[in-house]
Amino acid sequence: MTTPRRAHRAGTRLLSSLMVVIGFVLIVQAVAGETGGGLLARLILGVLFAAAGAGRLYVLARGPTGDRRDGAQDPAARRGDAARGLSRGRGDGTPGPANRRGNGR
């Protein structure tokens, strides 16, 4: 049975690939000069479609980067500051809670 998340990813992959194909078709039509005027508009739309589709595929391939449901991650956790006991403090020069306990640097 397919989970909703898998179905969403498959749909995103399919539509993003379709966007890339449509973008390349528009670019080829603009360069070949097919079907009359609108060369510049067709070329710009083709590039934008291809870039948007490729960007969506890139983001989909990266996957979620953190533990949170929306894929976002705390910058301090990414750097590993919390694991090393380093804290930014309150922003007024006083050490954070980890440094007050004496286990920070």
Protein backbone atom coordinates (compact mmCIF):
# COMPACT_ATOMS: atom_id res chain seq x y z
CA MET A 1 0.00 0.00 0.00
CA THR A 2 1.28 3.43 -0.91
CA THR A 3 1.53 5.98 1.85
CA PRO A 4 0.30 9.52 1.16
CA ARG A 5 3.85 10.87 1.46
CA ARG A 6 5.13 8.43 -1.17
CA ALA A 7 2.26 9.29 -3.49
CA HIS A 8 2.99 13.01 -3.03
CA ARG A 9 6.68 12.52 -3.83
CA ALA A 10 5.87 10.44 -6.91
CA GLY A 11 3.44 13.09 -8.12
CA THR A 12 5.96 15.84 -7.50
CA ARG A 13 8.63 13.91 -9.38
CA LEU A 14 6.29 13.31 -12.33
CA LEU A 15 5.05 16.90 -12.59
CA SER A 16 8.55 18.34 -12.14
CA SER A 17 9.88 16.12 -14.91
CA LEU A 18 6.99 17.23 -17.10
CA MET A 19 7.87 20.87 -16.38
CA VAL A 20 11.46 20.26 -17.52
CA VAL A 21 10.26 18.57 -20.72
CA ILE A 22 7.79 21.40 -21.47
CA GLY A 23 10.55 23.94 -20.87
CA PHE A 24 12.90 22.22 -23.31
CA VAL A 25 10.12 21.92 -25.91
CA LEU A 26 9.44 25.66 -25.62
CA ILE A 27 13.15 26.43 -25.98
CA VAL A 28 13.50 24.18 -29.05
CA GLN A 29 10.41 25.73 -30.65
CA ALA A 30 11.76 29.23 -30.00
CA VAL A 31 15.18 28.43 -31.44
CA ALA A 32 13.74 26.58 -34.45
CA GLY A 33 11.34 29.45 -35.09
CA GLU A 34 8.28 27.21 -35.24
CA THR A 35 4.68 28.44 -35.05
CA GLY A 36 5.10 32.13 -35.70
CA GLY A 37 6.07 34.97 -33.38
CA GLY A 38 6.73 35.23 -29.70
CA LEU A 39 10.35 34.10 -29.90
CA LEU A 40 11.55 35.96 -26.82
CA ALA A 41 8.50 35.14 -24.69
CA ARG A 42 8.69 31.46 -25.64
CA LEU A 43 12.40 31.35 -24.89
CA ILE A 44 12.00 33.01 -21.49
CA LEU A 45 9.07 30.76 -20.54
CA GLY A 46 11.03 27.71 -21.65
CA VAL A 47 14.02 28.62 -19.51
CA LEU A 48 11.80 29.39 -16.51
CA PHE A 49 9.84 26.13 -16.85
CA ALA A 50 13.01 24.05 -17.17
CA ALA A 51 14.66 25.83 -14.22
CA ALA A 52 11.58 25.47 -12.00
CA GLY A 53 11.21 21.78 -12.79
CA ALA A 54 14.90 21.10 -12.25
CA GLY A 55 14.83 23.03 -8.97
CA ARG A 56 11.89 21.01 -7.72
CA LEU A 57 13.64 17.77 -8.64
CA TYR A 58 16.80 18.94 -6.85
CA VAL A 59 14.93 19.80 -3.65
CA LEU A 60 13.05 16.50 -3.81
CA ALA A 61 16.30 14.56 -4.25
CA ARG A 62 17.90 16.25 -1.21
CA GLY A 63 15.13 15.00 1.05
CA PRO A 64 14.42 16.25 4.56
CA THR A 65 17.48 17.61 6.35
CA GLY A 66 16.37 17.46 9.95
CA ASP A 67 14.24 15.76 12.51
CA ARG A 68 11.36 18.20 12.28
CA ARG A 69 8.34 17.27 10.22
CA ASP A 70 8.72 20.14 7.75
CA GLY A 71 12.34 19.21 6.99
CA ALA A 72 13.85 22.32 8.60
CA GLN A 73 16.68 22.03 11.06
CA ASP A 74 18.00 24.27 13.83
CA PRO A 75 21.23 25.95 12.66
CA ALA A 76 22.91 25.33 16.04
CA ALA A 77 22.15 21.62 15.81
CA ARG A 78 23.53 21.51 12.26
CA ARG A 79 26.82 23.03 13.41
CA GLY A 80 26.99 20.72 16.39
CA ASP A 81 27.26 23.54 18.93
CA ALA A 82 24.63 22.01 21.19
CA ALA A 83 26.43 18.66 21.20
CA ARG A 84 29.72 20.29 22.22
CA GLY A 85 28.08 22.26 25.04
CA LEU A 86 28.57 25.61 23.37
CA SER A 87 25.77 28.11 23.58
CA ARG A 88 25.32 31.57 22.19
CA GLY A 89 23.94 32.91 25.45
CA ARG A 90 21.39 35.68 25.63
CA GLY A 91 23.15 38.00 23.21
CA ASP A 92 24.34 40.42 25.92
CA GLY A 93 27.73 38.81 26.52
CA THR A 94 26.65 36.49 29.31
CA PRO A 95 27.32 32.82 28.72
CA GLY A 96 24.52 30.47 27.88
CA PRO A 97 23.22 27.73 30.18
CA ALA A 98 25.75 25.15 28.98
CA ASN A 99 28.69 27.43 29.83
CA ARG A 100 27.35 28.32 33.28
CA ARG A 101 27.37 24.65 34.25
CA GLY A 102 31.04 24.49 33.40
CA ASN A 103 30.83 21.88 30.65
CA GLY A 104 31.38 24.37 27.83
CA ARG A 105 34.57 25.93 26.57
